[in-house]
Amino acid sequence: MFWVLLLLAAWAVAGLACLRLCLAAVRAAAVAPRTVDREHALTLYEAAFLAGGPRRVADLTLVSMARQRRLLLAHTGWATVVDPCGRDEMERSVIGAIGPEGQSRIAPVRSAAAAADAVRGLAERLVRAGLAVPDGTRGVAAGVQRVRVAAVTVCALGAAALALPLPADQPRLLIALWFTLPLALTLGCLAITRMEVHPYSRWASPAGQRMIGALVRQADGSADDRTYLTSVAVRGVHAIGEPDLRAAFAHRERYVDEHWERRA
């Protein structure tokens, strides 16, 4: 009867994920509709936030300063300040995150800059303009991801239950049918959420997503510096063309992975 414990675990995973998604959807529905500023022209920082959130803003700032030779991003994963005078709040946040010594690893700089007051102020302005979603709706996007993971987990638990040695009087088809119930719960919850709440972007509202879509059609990662940075804003550091600069951010990802492994 060990398969019953797996079934209970499947129900617990599915039920908790669906409950959290429902609560997030209720909080999002309670937020008053906001008027959209259709005359708003997106800056690169705003485009980066709508496409990838605070960390994308930090990445864009780092790349922009590096291309202007005011910041050196080494392929070893270190950032070095060349020009200590930031031209806007974002750049000053990056320089402040690097510290008074003028040199730091890229990973902690990125995290600190993403959490700076400048990025929070940018997010608030976009929410007021109707282009970014408030915190409650961001919870919907995270909730959808959790329900998807729960659906996969239920399938895995069902497969594990069917792989167990069972008595002859317990047909495997019946056990499989029991596991379809929590699976149906997760899939039904995803279907309802898609019909009622979609699109559920983590950062951009539907109006913001349309603006980002227009920028995506313009960003090809080449041409002038503005187009290049637009490509980085909407696609992330994977749009970087320079090998050395790509290596600097690739080293950043390895540093983050090692950091989490040490904490675990």
C-alpha atoms as a PDB file:
ATOM      1  CA  MET A   1       0.000   0.000   0.000  1.00  0.00           C
ATOM      2  CA  PHE A   2       3.000   2.280  -0.358  1.00  0.00           C
ATOM      3  CA  TRP A   3       1.379   3.697  -3.513  1.00  0.00           C
ATOM      4  CA  VAL A   4      -1.295   5.286  -1.305  1.00  0.00           C
ATOM      5  CA  LEU A   5       1.367   7.424   0.357  1.00  0.00           C
ATOM      6  CA  LEU A   6       2.531   8.524  -3.086  1.00  0.00           C
ATOM      7  CA  LEU A   7      -1.061   9.366  -3.994  1.00  0.00           C
ATOM      8  CA  LEU A   8      -1.453  11.457  -0.839  1.00  0.00           C
ATOM      9  CA  ALA A   9       1.778  13.258  -1.681  1.00  0.00           C
ATOM     10  CA  ALA A  10       0.469  13.929  -5.193  1.00  0.00           C
ATOM     11  CA  TRP A  11      -2.754  15.407  -3.779  1.00  0.00           C
ATOM     12  CA  ALA A  12      -0.796  17.554  -1.338  1.00  0.00           C
ATOM     13  CA  VAL A  13       1.502  18.935  -4.045  1.00  0.00           C
ATOM     14  CA  ALA A  14      -1.349  19.593  -6.473  1.00  0.00           C
ATOM     15  CA  GLY A  15      -3.713  21.050  -3.883  1.00  0.00           C
ATOM     16  CA  LEU A  16      -1.155  23.403  -2.367  1.00  0.00           C
ATOM     17  CA  ALA A  17       0.014  24.691  -5.752  1.00  0.00           C
ATOM     18  CA  CYS A  18      -3.547  25.280  -6.985  1.00  0.00           C
ATOM     19  CA  LEU A  19      -4.522  26.985  -3.722  1.00  0.00           C
ATOM     20  CA  ARG A  20      -1.606  29.385  -3.932  1.00  0.00           C
ATOM     21  CA  LEU A  21      -2.446  30.171  -7.551  1.00  0.00           C
ATOM     22  CA  CYS A  22      -6.082  30.876  -6.654  1.00  0.00           C
ATOM     23  CA  LEU A  23      -5.059  33.183  -3.816  1.00  0.00           C
ATOM     24  CA  ALA A  24      -2.684  35.051  -6.124  1.00  0.00           C
ATOM     25  CA  ALA A  25      -5.436  35.421  -8.735  1.00  0.00           C
ATOM     26  CA  VAL A  26      -7.836  36.781  -6.102  1.00  0.00           C
ATOM     27  CA  ARG A  27      -5.251  39.342  -4.989  1.00  0.00           C
ATOM     28  CA  ALA A  28      -4.639  40.346  -8.605  1.00  0.00           C
ATOM     29  CA  ALA A  29      -8.377  40.753  -9.244  1.00  0.00           C
ATOM     30  CA  ALA A  30      -8.655  43.019  -6.207  1.00  0.00           C
ATOM     31  CA  VAL A  31      -6.226  45.476  -7.755  1.00  0.00           C
ATOM     32  CA  ALA A  32      -8.146  48.358  -9.340  1.00  0.00           C
ATOM     33  CA  PRO A  33      -7.785  48.598 -13.141  1.00  0.00           C
ATOM     34  CA  ARG A  34      -5.220  51.170 -14.121  1.00  0.00           C
ATOM     35  CA  THR A  35      -5.388  53.538 -17.053  1.00  0.00           C
ATOM     36  CA  VAL A  36      -2.663  53.044 -19.639  1.00  0.00           C
ATOM     37  CA  ASP A  37      -0.521  55.953 -20.722  1.00  0.00           C
ATOM     38  CA  ARG A  38      -0.539  55.289 -24.470  1.00  0.00           C
ATOM     39  CA  GLU A  39       1.732  58.256 -25.144  1.00  0.00           C
ATOM     40  CA  HIS A  40       4.482  56.828 -22.957  1.00  0.00           C
ATOM     41  CA  ALA A  41       7.731  56.247 -24.849  1.00  0.00           C
ATOM     42  CA  LEU A  42       9.764  53.451 -23.314  1.00  0.00           C
ATOM     43  CA  THR A  43      13.318  54.122 -22.259  1.00  0.00           C
ATOM     44  CA  LEU A  44      15.837  51.303 -22.514  1.00  0.00           C
ATOM     45  CA  TYR A  45      15.741  50.808 -18.749  1.00  0.00           C
ATOM     46  CA  GLU A  46      11.953  50.564 -18.819  1.00  0.00           C
ATOM     47  CA  ALA A  47      12.059  48.092 -21.709  1.00  0.00           C
ATOM     48  CA  ALA A  48      14.573  45.988 -19.807  1.00  0.00           C
ATOM     49  CA  PHE A  49      12.371  45.940 -16.713  1.00  0.00           C
ATOM     50  CA  LEU A  50       9.236  44.954 -18.626  1.00  0.00           C
ATOM     51  CA  ALA A  51      11.098  42.216 -20.499  1.00  0.00           C
ATOM     52  CA  GLY A  52      13.150  40.754 -17.676  1.00  0.00           C
ATOM     53  CA  GLY A  53      12.626  42.552 -14.382  1.00  0.00           C
ATOM     54  CA  PRO A  54      15.156  44.254 -12.083  1.00  0.00           C
ATOM     55  CA  ARG A  55      18.053  41.966 -12.948  1.00  0.00           C
ATOM     56  CA  ARG A  56      17.651  42.721 -16.642  1.00  0.00           C
ATOM     57  CA  VAL A  57      17.914  46.435 -15.809  1.00  0.00           C
ATOM     58  CA  ALA A  58      21.172  45.785 -13.966  1.00  0.00           C
ATOM     59  CA  ASP A  59      22.514  43.731 -16.883  1.00  0.00           C
ATOM     60  CA  LEU A  60      21.628  46.454 -19.365  1.00  0.00           C
ATOM     61  CA  THR A  61      23.361  49.092 -17.246  1.00  0.00           C
ATOM     62  CA  LEU A  62      26.502  46.984 -17.008  1.00  0.00           C
ATOM     63  CA  VAL A  63      26.583  46.333 -20.755  1.00  0.00           C
ATOM     64  CA  SER A  64      25.886  49.988 -21.600  1.00  0.00           C
ATOM     65  CA  MET A  65      28.699  51.241 -19.369  1.00  0.00           C
ATOM     66  CA  ALA A  66      31.064  48.583 -20.701  1.00  0.00           C
ATOM     67  CA  ARG A  67      30.398  49.586 -24.317  1.00  0.00           C
ATOM     68  CA  GLN A  68      31.137  53.207 -23.421  1.00  0.00           C
ATOM     69  CA  ARG A  69      34.445  52.124 -21.848  1.00  0.00           C
ATOM     70  CA  ARG A  70      33.382  53.537 -18.480  1.00  0.00           C
ATOM     71  CA  LEU A  71      33.278  50.096 -16.921  1.00  0.00           C
ATOM     72  CA  LEU A  72      35.528  47.138 -17.588  1.00  0.00           C
ATOM     73  CA  LEU A  73      33.902  43.709 -17.487  1.00  0.00           C
ATOM     74  CA  ALA A  74      36.638  41.098 -17.544  1.00  0.00           C
ATOM     75  CA  HIS A  75      36.087  37.601 -18.895  1.00  0.00           C
ATOM     76  CA  THR A  76      37.034  36.352 -15.413  1.00  0.00           C
ATOM     77  CA  GLY A  77      33.771  37.727 -14.016  1.00  0.00           C
ATOM     78  CA  TRP A  78      35.069  40.938 -12.410  1.00  0.00           C
ATOM     79  CA  ALA A  79      33.817  44.503 -12.919  1.00  0.00           C
ATOM     80  CA  THR A  80      36.208  47.455 -12.660  1.00  0.00           C
ATOM     81  CA  VAL A  81      35.154  51.109 -12.587  1.00  0.00           C
ATOM     82  CA  VAL A  82      36.896  53.301 -15.171  1.00  0.00           C
ATOM     83  CA  ASP A  83      34.700  56.406 -14.884  1.00  0.00           C
ATOM     84  CA  PRO A  84      33.368  56.852 -11.317  1.00  0.00           C
ATOM     85  CA  CYS A  85      30.802  59.477 -12.374  1.00  0.00           C
ATOM     86  CA  GLY A  86      27.480  57.857 -13.159  1.00  0.00           C
ATOM     87  CA  ARG A  87      25.318  59.633 -15.718  1.00  0.00           C
ATOM     88  CA  ASP A  88      21.989  58.559 -14.223  1.00  0.00           C
ATOM     89  CA  GLU A  89      20.558  56.832 -11.161  1.00  0.00           C
ATOM     90  CA  MET A  90      21.042  53.353 -12.597  1.00  0.00           C
ATOM     91  CA  GLU A  91      24.707  53.893 -13.331  1.00  0.00           C
ATOM     92  CA  ARG A  92      25.269  55.419  -9.906  1.00  0.00           C
ATOM     93  CA  SER A  93      23.600  52.358  -8.368  1.00  0.00           C
ATOM     94  CA  VAL A  94      25.994  50.063 -10.241  1.00  0.00           C
ATOM     95  CA  ILE A  95      29.037  52.122  -9.240  1.00  0.00           C
ATOM     96  CA  GLY A  96      27.845  52.154  -5.631  1.00  0.00           C
ATOM     97  CA  ALA A  97      27.340  48.381  -5.719  1.00  0.00           C
ATOM     98  CA  ILE A  98      30.906  47.873  -6.931  1.00  0.00           C
ATOM     99  CA  GLY A  99      32.153  49.737  -3.876  1.00  0.00           C
ATOM    100  CA  PRO A 100      34.850  52.268  -3.031  1.00  0.00           C
ATOM    101  CA  GLU A 101      37.662  49.991  -4.185  1.00  0.00           C
ATOM    102  CA  GLY A 102      36.343  50.219  -7.735  1.00  0.00           C
ATOM    103  CA  GLN A 103      36.359  46.500  -8.361  1.00  0.00           C
ATOM    104  CA  SER A 104      33.997  43.630  -7.563  1.00  0.00           C
ATOM    105  CA  ARG A 105      32.623  40.397  -8.968  1.00  0.00           C
ATOM    106  CA  ILE A 106      29.763  40.887 -11.420  1.00  0.00           C
ATOM    107  CA  ALA A 107      27.279  38.595  -9.635  1.00  0.00           C
ATOM    108  CA  PRO A 108      26.967  40.580  -6.352  1.00  0.00           C
ATOM    109  CA  VAL A 109      27.019  43.864  -8.288  1.00  0.00           C
ATOM    110  CA  ARG A 110      24.114  42.684 -10.387  1.00  0.00           C
ATOM    111  CA  SER A 111      22.116  41.608  -7.334  1.00  0.00           C
ATOM    112  CA  ALA A 112      22.742  44.835  -5.429  1.00  0.00           C
ATOM    113  CA  ALA A 113      21.943  47.054  -8.414  1.00  0.00           C
ATOM    114  CA  ALA A 114      18.721  45.144  -9.104  1.00  0.00           C
ATOM    115  CA  ALA A 115      17.554  45.829  -5.531  1.00  0.00           C
ATOM    116  CA  ALA A 116      18.471  49.533  -5.582  1.00  0.00           C
ATOM    117  CA  ASP A 117      15.992  52.357  -5.024  1.00  0.00           C
ATOM    118  CA  ALA A 118      16.402  53.462  -8.644  1.00  0.00           C
ATOM    119  CA  VAL A 119      14.964  50.188  -9.931  1.00  0.00           C
ATOM    120  CA  ARG A 120      12.110  50.252  -7.421  1.00  0.00           C
ATOM    121  CA  GLY A 121      11.239  53.783  -8.506  1.00  0.00           C
ATOM    122  CA  LEU A 122      11.310  52.688 -12.140  1.00  0.00           C
ATOM    123  CA  ALA A 123       8.916  49.835 -11.359  1.00  0.00           C
ATOM    124  CA  GLU A 124       6.508  52.166  -9.557  1.00  0.00           C
ATOM    125  CA  ARG A 125       6.444  54.573 -12.500  1.00  0.00           C
ATOM    126  CA  LEU A 126       5.677  51.759 -14.928  1.00  0.00           C
ATOM    127  CA  VAL A 127       2.876  50.461 -12.716  1.00  0.00           C
ATOM    128  CA  ARG A 128       1.348  53.939 -12.548  1.00  0.00           C
ATOM    129  CA  ALA A 129       1.551  54.159 -16.345  1.00  0.00           C
ATOM    130  CA  GLY A 130      -0.302  50.847 -16.660  1.00  0.00           C
ATOM    131  CA  LEU A 131       2.654  49.155 -18.374  1.00  0.00           C
ATOM    132  CA  ALA A 132       3.887  46.965 -15.514  1.00  0.00           C
ATOM    133  CA  VAL A 133       1.894  44.622 -13.315  1.00  0.00           C
ATOM    134  CA  PRO A 134       1.693  45.105  -9.533  1.00  0.00           C
ATOM    135  CA  ASP A 135       3.041  42.543  -7.105  1.00  0.00           C
ATOM    136  CA  GLY A 136      -0.214  40.582  -6.894  1.00  0.00           C
ATOM    137  CA  THR A 137      -0.271  39.806 -10.605  1.00  0.00           C
ATOM    138  CA  ARG A 138       3.377  38.811 -10.535  1.00  0.00           C
ATOM    139  CA  GLY A 139       2.262  36.217  -8.016  1.00  0.00           C
ATOM    140  CA  VAL A 140      -0.058  34.773 -10.658  1.00  0.00           C
ATOM    141  CA  ALA A 141       2.866  34.145 -12.999  1.00  0.00           C
ATOM    142  CA  ALA A 142       4.807  32.450 -10.212  1.00  0.00           C
ATOM    143  CA  GLY A 143       1.701  30.483  -9.222  1.00  0.00           C
ATOM    144  CA  VAL A 144       1.231  29.208 -12.762  1.00  0.00           C
ATOM    145  CA  GLN A 145       4.818  28.000 -12.771  1.00  0.00           C
ATOM    146  CA  ARG A 146       4.276  26.189  -9.469  1.00  0.00           C
ATOM    147  CA  VAL A 147       1.155  24.460 -10.798  1.00  0.00           C
ATOM    148  CA  ARG A 148       3.069  23.332 -13.883  1.00  0.00           C
ATOM    149  CA  VAL A 149       5.766  21.877 -11.661  1.00  0.00           C
ATOM    150  CA  ALA A 150       3.058  20.220  -9.553  1.00  0.00           C
ATOM    151  CA  ALA A 151       1.566  18.581 -12.657  1.00  0.00           C
ATOM    152  CA  VAL A 152       4.949  17.127 -13.585  1.00  0.00           C
ATOM    153  CA  THR A 153       5.454  15.985  -9.988  1.00  0.00           C
ATOM    154  CA  VAL A 154       2.086  14.195  -9.981  1.00  0.00           C
ATOM    155  CA  CYS A 155       3.045  12.368 -13.175  1.00  0.00           C
ATOM    156  CA  ALA A 156       6.361  11.362 -11.644  1.00  0.00           C
ATOM    157  CA  LEU A 157       4.707  10.109  -8.456  1.00  0.00           C
ATOM    158  CA  GLY A 158       2.160   8.176 -10.514  1.00  0.00           C
ATOM    159  CA  ALA A 159       4.914   6.552 -12.552  1.00  0.00           C
ATOM    160  CA  ALA A 160       6.742   5.638  -9.345  1.00  0.00           C
ATOM    161  CA  ALA A 161       3.574   4.081  -7.917  1.00  0.00           C
ATOM    162  CA  LEU A 162       3.013   2.020 -11.052  1.00  0.00           C
ATOM    163  CA  ALA A 163       6.621   0.820 -10.956  1.00  0.00           C
ATOM    164  CA  LEU A 164       6.181  -0.654  -7.468  1.00  0.00           C
ATOM    165  CA  PRO A 165       5.497  -4.384  -7.032  1.00  0.00           C
ATOM    166  CA  LEU A 166       1.754  -4.711  -6.398  1.00  0.00           C
ATOM    167  CA  PRO A 167      -0.526  -7.537  -5.224  1.00  0.00           C
ATOM    168  CA  ALA A 168      -2.475  -9.309  -7.937  1.00  0.00           C
ATOM    169  CA  ASP A 169      -5.795  -7.951  -6.635  1.00  0.00           C
ATOM    170  CA  GLN A 170      -4.718  -4.320  -7.210  1.00  0.00           C
ATOM    171  CA  PRO A 171      -4.940  -3.525 -10.934  1.00  0.00           C
ATOM    172  CA  ARG A 172      -2.458  -0.941 -12.150  1.00  0.00           C
ATOM    173  CA  LEU A 173      -5.101   0.714 -14.306  1.00  0.00           C
ATOM    174  CA  LEU A 174      -7.123   1.590 -11.203  1.00  0.00           C
ATOM    175  CA  ILE A 175      -4.054   3.087  -9.534  1.00  0.00           C
ATOM    176  CA  ALA A 176      -3.333   5.125 -12.647  1.00  0.00           C
ATOM    177  CA  LEU A 177      -6.900   6.433 -12.584  1.00  0.00           C
ATOM    178  CA  TRP A 178      -6.469   7.566  -8.972  1.00  0.00           C
ATOM    179  CA  PHE A 179      -3.441   9.633  -9.996  1.00  0.00           C
ATOM    180  CA  THR A 180      -5.334  11.228 -12.869  1.00  0.00           C
ATOM    181  CA  LEU A 181      -7.514  13.033 -10.328  1.00  0.00           C
ATOM    182  CA  PRO A 182      -4.801  15.354  -8.913  1.00  0.00           C
ATOM    183  CA  LEU A 183      -3.400  15.668 -12.433  1.00  0.00           C
ATOM    184  CA  ALA A 184      -6.816  16.787 -13.678  1.00  0.00           C
ATOM    185  CA  LEU A 185      -6.947  19.321 -10.842  1.00  0.00           C
ATOM    186  CA  THR A 186      -3.669  20.928 -11.910  1.00  0.00           C
ATOM    187  CA  LEU A 187      -4.469  20.899 -15.625  1.00  0.00           C
ATOM    188  CA  GLY A 188      -7.951  22.284 -15.006  1.00  0.00           C
ATOM    189  CA  CYS A 189      -6.536  25.041 -12.837  1.00  0.00           C
ATOM    190  CA  LEU A 190      -4.051  25.959 -15.573  1.00  0.00           C
ATOM    191  CA  ALA A 191      -6.809  25.999 -18.196  1.00  0.00           C
ATOM    192  CA  ILE A 192      -9.072  28.241 -16.125  1.00  0.00           C
ATOM    193  CA  THR A 193      -6.207  30.594 -15.316  1.00  0.00           C
ATOM    194  CA  ARG A 194      -5.289  30.884 -18.977  1.00  0.00           C
ATOM    195  CA  MET A 195      -8.867  31.760 -19.928  1.00  0.00           C
ATOM    196  CA  GLU A 196      -9.459  34.188 -17.074  1.00  0.00           C
ATOM    197  CA  VAL A 197      -6.103  35.798 -16.297  1.00  0.00           C
ATOM    198  CA  HIS A 198      -3.895  35.322 -19.377  1.00  0.00           C
ATOM    199  CA  PRO A 199      -1.569  36.969 -20.238  1.00  0.00           C
ATOM    200  CA  TYR A 200       0.137  36.597 -16.873  1.00  0.00           C
ATOM    201  CA  SER A 201       3.539  38.092 -17.481  1.00  0.00           C
ATOM    202  CA  ARG A 202       5.765  38.405 -14.451  1.00  0.00           C
ATOM    203  CA  TRP A 203       6.575  42.042 -15.182  1.00  0.00           C
ATOM    204  CA  ALA A 204       4.703  43.587 -18.128  1.00  0.00           C
ATOM    205  CA  SER A 205       0.984  44.286 -18.392  1.00  0.00           C
ATOM    206  CA  PRO A 206      -0.755  43.488 -21.712  1.00  0.00           C
ATOM    207  CA  ALA A 207      -0.067  47.071 -22.864  1.00  0.00           C
ATOM    208  CA  GLY A 208       3.548  46.740 -21.772  1.00  0.00           C
ATOM    209  CA  GLN A 209       3.866  43.432 -23.605  1.00  0.00           C
ATOM    210  CA  ARG A 210       2.625  45.040 -26.814  1.00  0.00           C
ATOM    211  CA  MET A 211       5.274  47.735 -26.476  1.00  0.00           C
ATOM    212  CA  ILE A 212       7.946  45.108 -25.858  1.00  0.00           C
ATOM    213  CA  GLY A 213       6.722  43.177 -28.900  1.00  0.00           C
ATOM    214  CA  ALA A 214       7.234  46.257 -31.054  1.00  0.00           C
ATOM    215  CA  LEU A 215      10.771  46.633 -29.683  1.00  0.00           C
ATOM    216  CA  VAL A 216      11.536  42.965 -30.360  1.00  0.00           C
ATOM    217  CA  ARG A 217      10.768  43.487 -34.043  1.00  0.00           C
ATOM    218  CA  GLN A 218      13.206  46.388 -34.090  1.00  0.00           C
ATOM    219  CA  ALA A 219      16.023  44.708 -32.117  1.00  0.00           C
ATOM    220  CA  ASP A 220      18.373  42.625 -34.224  1.00  0.00           C
ATOM    221  CA  GLY A 221      21.522  42.842 -32.076  1.00  0.00           C
ATOM    222  CA  SER A 222      23.426  44.828 -34.703  1.00  0.00           C
ATOM    223  CA  ALA A 223      23.373  48.254 -36.388  1.00  0.00           C
ATOM    224  CA  ASP A 224      23.836  51.258 -34.102  1.00  0.00           C
ATOM    225  CA  ASP A 225      24.477  51.297 -30.382  1.00  0.00           C
ATOM    226  CA  ARG A 226      20.829  52.064 -29.563  1.00  0.00           C
ATOM    227  CA  THR A 227      19.619  49.013 -31.482  1.00  0.00           C
ATOM    228  CA  TYR A 228      22.275  46.850 -29.849  1.00  0.00           C
ATOM    229  CA  LEU A 229      21.236  47.912 -26.347  1.00  0.00           C
ATOM    230  CA  THR A 230      17.576  47.479 -27.255  1.00  0.00           C
ATOM    231  CA  SER A 231      18.364  43.889 -28.197  1.00  0.00           C
ATOM    232  CA  VAL A 232      20.060  43.357 -24.827  1.00  0.00           C
ATOM    233  CA  ALA A 233      17.096  44.977 -23.033  1.00  0.00           C
ATOM    234  CA  VAL A 234      14.457  42.731 -24.617  1.00  0.00           C
ATOM    235  CA  ARG A 235      16.480  39.516 -24.993  1.00  0.00           C
ATOM    236  CA  GLY A 236      19.009  39.673 -22.167  1.00  0.00           C
ATOM    237  CA  VAL A 237      22.734  39.054 -22.108  1.00  0.00           C
ATOM    238  CA  HIS A 238      22.356  36.236 -24.620  1.00  0.00           C
ATOM    239  CA  ALA A 239      22.035  38.957 -27.278  1.00  0.00           C
ATOM    240  CA  ILE A 240      25.584  40.194 -26.563  1.00  0.00           C
ATOM    241  CA  GLY A 241      27.795  39.800 -29.608  1.00  0.00           C
ATOM    242  CA  GLU A 242      31.290  40.403 -28.190  1.00  0.00           C
ATOM    243  CA  PRO A 243      32.962  37.130 -27.086  1.00  0.00           C
ATOM    244  CA  ASP A 244      34.815  38.708 -24.141  1.00  0.00           C
ATOM    245  CA  LEU A 245      31.676  40.392 -22.840  1.00  0.00           C
ATOM    246  CA  ARG A 246      29.672  37.196 -23.221  1.00  0.00           C
ATOM    247  CA  ALA A 247      32.389  35.369 -21.294  1.00  0.00           C
ATOM    248  CA  ALA A 248      32.120  37.876 -18.443  1.00  0.00           C
ATOM    249  CA  PHE A 249      28.408  37.184 -18.012  1.00  0.00           C
ATOM    250  CA  ALA A 250      28.861  33.446 -18.512  1.00  0.00           C
ATOM    251  CA  HIS A 251      31.366  33.508 -15.657  1.00  0.00           C
ATOM    252  CA  ARG A 252      28.740  35.356 -13.624  1.00  0.00           C
ATOM    253  CA  GLU A 253      26.285  32.486 -14.095  1.00  0.00           C
ATOM    254  CA  ARG A 254      28.850  29.935 -12.945  1.00  0.00           C
ATOM    255  CA  TYR A 255      29.593  32.072  -9.890  1.00  0.00           C
ATOM    256  CA  VAL A 256      25.897  32.179  -8.973  1.00  0.00           C
ATOM    257  CA  ASP A 257      25.583  28.391  -9.346  1.00  0.00           C
ATOM    258  CA  GLU A 258      28.624  27.791  -7.125  1.00  0.00           C
ATOM    259  CA  HIS A 259      27.317  30.277  -4.539  1.00  0.00           C
ATOM    260  CA  TRP A 260      23.996  28.429  -4.234  1.00  0.00           C
ATOM    261  CA  GLU A 261      25.763  25.069  -4.077  1.00  0.00           C
ATOM    262  CA  ARG A 262      27.854  26.281  -1.125  1.00  0.00           C
ATOM    263  CA  ARG A 263      24.723  27.575   0.643  1.00  0.00           C
ATOM    264  CA  ALA A 264      22.969  24.255   0.106  1.00  0.00           C
END
